Amino acid sequence: MNLRSDRFHSARLPFEEFYEAYYDRVFNFVYMRLLHREDAEDVTEDTFMKAMAAYYRNDTSKASDLTWLCTIARNCMTDHIRKSRKHKIISFDGTWDIGEEDRELERLTDDTQRRVYRIFKELTPEERELLSMRYQMDMEYSEIGKALGIEPKTAAKRVERLLKKCREFT
């Protein structure tokens, strides 16, 4: 192992502690984009498997752990969505299975959670992802900008517009 790798290794938390510290935030971030619990669990698992493989090689001077995890999670979500589109069975009678949303709503016990879920169903996956970065992952606008490849001011403006849009649904 070279000196650079040793430096990162010695300065890092053990991966188990890192996992415990970030699991809920990553799961919530993914869930808010996908709005499906089992898919969110699968993508979160994939995210941490990939993070574990590269954990001690990650250079935290380039991006925070949160930004790094968010990037991995976004890539895992993209892969998951691509795979699920390939395997999706389309109904020949033109109807869609709405039971999936009903099962998600049943799991939510709090009225506020149900209301948020219904509002989020009205947003695009990209809009949900942006709000999730800001409020679930608690990312600064500079981190969001880095993860999305946009300016921090642009990220802030988009969040502001989305909050306004969400208020219109209530």
Protein backbone atom coordinates (compact mmCIF):
# COMPACT_ATOMS: atom_id res chain seq x y z
CA MET A 1 0.00 0.00 0.00
CA ASN A 2 1.38 3.43 -0.82
CA LEU A 3 1.69 6.30 1.65
CA ARG A 4 -1.29 8.14 0.23
CA SER A 5 -3.58 5.14 0.80
CA ASP A 6 -2.18 4.70 4.32
CA ARG A 7 -2.97 8.35 5.07
CA PHE A 8 -6.63 7.93 4.02
CA HIS A 9 -6.92 4.62 5.83
CA SER A 10 -5.61 5.91 9.14
CA ALA A 11 -7.78 9.06 9.06
CA ARG A 12 -11.05 7.24 8.39
CA LEU A 13 -13.63 5.79 10.74
CA PRO A 14 -14.01 2.04 10.56
CA PHE A 15 -16.49 1.31 7.77
CA GLU A 16 -19.02 -0.12 10.24
CA GLU A 17 -19.23 3.24 12.02
CA PHE A 18 -19.40 5.08 8.70
CA TYR A 19 -22.27 2.79 7.64
CA GLU A 20 -24.15 3.39 10.90
CA ALA A 21 -23.64 7.15 10.64
CA TYR A 22 -24.96 7.45 7.08
CA TYR A 23 -27.35 4.53 6.46
CA ASP A 24 -30.60 6.30 7.39
CA ARG A 25 -29.73 9.43 5.43
CA VAL A 26 -28.85 7.45 2.30
CA PHE A 27 -31.94 5.23 2.60
CA ASN A 28 -34.23 8.26 2.99
CA PHE A 29 -32.52 9.99 0.07
CA VAL A 30 -33.10 6.97 -2.17
CA TYR A 31 -36.63 6.36 -0.89
CA MET A 32 -37.65 9.95 -1.60
CA ARG A 33 -36.56 9.48 -5.21
CA LEU A 34 -38.02 6.02 -5.81
CA LEU A 35 -41.01 6.09 -3.40
CA HIS A 36 -40.81 2.32 -3.03
CA ARG A 37 -39.44 0.75 0.15
CA GLU A 38 -38.04 -2.52 -1.23
CA ASP A 39 -36.37 -0.78 -4.16
CA ALA A 40 -34.90 1.81 -1.80
CA GLU A 41 -33.53 -0.96 0.42
CA ASP A 42 -31.93 -2.68 -2.59
CA VAL A 43 -30.38 0.53 -3.92
CA THR A 44 -29.13 1.52 -0.46
CA GLU A 45 -27.51 -1.90 -0.08
CA ASP A 46 -25.84 -1.53 -3.49
CA THR A 47 -24.67 1.96 -2.53
CA PHE A 48 -22.93 0.76 0.62
CA MET A 49 -21.44 -2.27 -1.10
CA LYS A 50 -19.81 0.04 -3.67
CA ALA A 51 -18.82 2.50 -0.97
CA MET A 52 -17.22 -0.26 1.08
CA ALA A 53 -15.15 -1.39 -1.92
CA ALA A 54 -13.72 2.12 -2.38
CA TYR A 55 -13.96 3.47 1.16
CA TYR A 56 -10.28 3.70 2.02
CA ARG A 57 -9.37 5.02 -1.43
CA ASN A 58 -11.84 7.92 -1.32
CA ASP A 59 -10.11 11.29 -1.09
CA THR A 60 -12.24 13.40 1.27
CA SER A 61 -10.35 16.54 0.24
CA LYS A 62 -12.12 16.36 -3.15
CA ALA A 63 -15.65 15.84 -1.82
CA SER A 64 -17.26 15.27 1.56
CA ASP A 65 -18.33 11.78 2.54
CA LEU A 66 -21.93 12.87 2.05
CA THR A 67 -21.33 14.16 -1.48
CA TRP A 68 -19.38 10.99 -2.31
CA LEU A 69 -22.17 8.74 -0.98
CA CYS A 70 -24.80 10.79 -2.77
CA THR A 71 -22.96 10.34 -6.07
CA ILE A 72 -22.73 6.59 -5.54
CA ALA A 73 -26.42 6.43 -4.57
CA ARG A 74 -27.44 8.44 -7.66
CA ASN A 75 -25.48 6.07 -9.89
CA CYS A 76 -27.03 3.04 -8.19
CA MET A 77 -30.52 4.54 -8.62
CA THR A 78 -29.85 5.15 -12.31
CA ASP A 79 -28.72 1.53 -12.71
CA HIS A 80 -31.75 0.27 -10.80
CA ILE A 81 -34.17 2.33 -12.89
CA ARG A 82 -32.59 1.12 -16.13
CA LYS A 83 -32.80 -2.51 -15.01
CA SER A 84 -36.40 -2.18 -13.84
CA ARG A 85 -37.44 -0.63 -17.17
CA LYS A 86 -35.96 -3.59 -19.01
CA HIS A 87 -37.92 -6.06 -16.89
CA LYS A 88 -41.20 -4.17 -16.56
CA ILE A 89 -44.25 -6.10 -17.71
CA ILE A 90 -46.81 -3.91 -19.43
CA SER A 91 -50.46 -4.76 -19.08
CA PHE A 92 -52.18 -5.47 -22.39
CA ASP A 93 -55.52 -4.11 -21.21
CA GLY A 94 -54.00 -0.65 -20.70
CA THR A 95 -54.47 -0.56 -16.93
CA TRP A 96 -51.76 0.05 -14.38
CA ASP A 97 -51.32 -1.70 -11.06
CA ILE A 98 -52.10 0.93 -8.45
CA GLY A 99 -51.70 -1.56 -5.61
CA GLU A 100 -48.03 -0.63 -5.23
CA GLU A 101 -48.85 2.91 -4.11
CA ASP A 102 -51.56 1.62 -1.79
CA ARG A 103 -49.03 -0.67 -0.07
CA GLU A 104 -46.62 2.23 0.41
CA LEU A 105 -49.37 4.39 1.93
CA GLU A 106 -50.39 1.57 4.29
CA ARG A 107 -46.86 1.48 5.71
CA LEU A 108 -46.99 5.15 6.59
CA THR A 109 -48.65 5.50 9.97
CA ASP A 110 -48.41 9.25 10.41
CA ASP A 111 -50.79 11.63 8.58
CA THR A 112 -47.92 14.02 7.86
CA GLN A 113 -45.92 11.22 6.24
CA ARG A 114 -48.92 10.32 4.08
CA ARG A 115 -49.36 13.94 3.04
CA VAL A 116 -45.67 14.27 2.15
CA TYR A 117 -45.85 11.00 0.20
CA ARG A 118 -48.83 12.29 -1.82
CA ILE A 119 -47.08 15.58 -2.54
CA PHE A 120 -43.92 13.75 -3.58
CA LYS A 121 -45.92 11.58 -5.97
CA GLU A 122 -46.77 14.80 -7.82
CA LEU A 123 -43.09 15.69 -8.29
CA THR A 124 -40.70 14.24 -10.84
CA PRO A 125 -37.99 11.88 -9.59
CA GLU A 126 -35.41 14.61 -10.23
CA GLU A 127 -37.38 17.12 -8.15
CA ARG A 128 -37.72 14.60 -5.30
CA GLU A 129 -34.01 13.90 -5.51
CA LEU A 130 -33.13 17.58 -5.18
CA LEU A 131 -35.36 18.06 -2.14
CA SER A 132 -33.97 14.88 -0.64
CA MET A 133 -30.40 16.09 -1.04
CA ARG A 134 -31.26 19.29 0.77
CA TYR A 135 -33.54 18.01 3.51
CA GLN A 136 -32.86 14.29 3.95
CA MET A 137 -29.14 14.28 3.29
CA ASP A 138 -28.83 17.78 4.83
CA MET A 139 -26.43 18.80 2.08
CA GLU A 140 -25.25 22.37 1.64
CA TYR A 141 -26.00 24.02 -1.71
CA SER A 142 -22.29 23.78 -2.59
CA GLU A 143 -22.43 19.99 -2.07
CA ILE A 144 -25.63 19.68 -4.09
CA GLY A 145 -24.07 21.74 -6.84
CA LYS A 146 -21.01 19.52 -6.89
CA ALA A 147 -23.12 16.35 -6.98
CA LEU A 148 -25.39 17.65 -9.77
CA GLY A 149 -22.77 19.59 -11.71
CA ILE A 150 -24.52 22.94 -11.20
CA GLU A 151 -23.70 26.18 -9.41
CA PRO A 152 -24.69 26.40 -5.72
CA LYS A 153 -26.90 29.44 -6.47
CA THR A 154 -28.71 27.42 -9.13
CA ALA A 155 -29.30 24.60 -6.63
CA ALA A 156 -30.67 27.08 -4.08
CA LYS A 157 -33.01 28.64 -6.64
CA ARG A 158 -34.29 25.22 -7.75
CA VAL A 159 -35.00 24.22 -4.15
CA GLU A 160 -36.82 27.50 -3.57
CA ARG A 161 -39.01 26.91 -6.66
CA LEU A 162 -39.74 23.33 -5.60
CA LEU A 163 -40.82 24.40 -2.13
CA LYS A 164 -43.19 26.89 -3.71
CA LYS A 165 -44.54 24.15 -5.98
CA CYS A 166 -45.06 21.85 -2.99
CA ARG A 167 -46.96 24.56 -1.10
CA GLU A 168 -49.35 24.79 -4.06
CA PHE A 169 -50.27 21.11 -3.57
CA THR A 170 -51.41 21.69 0.01
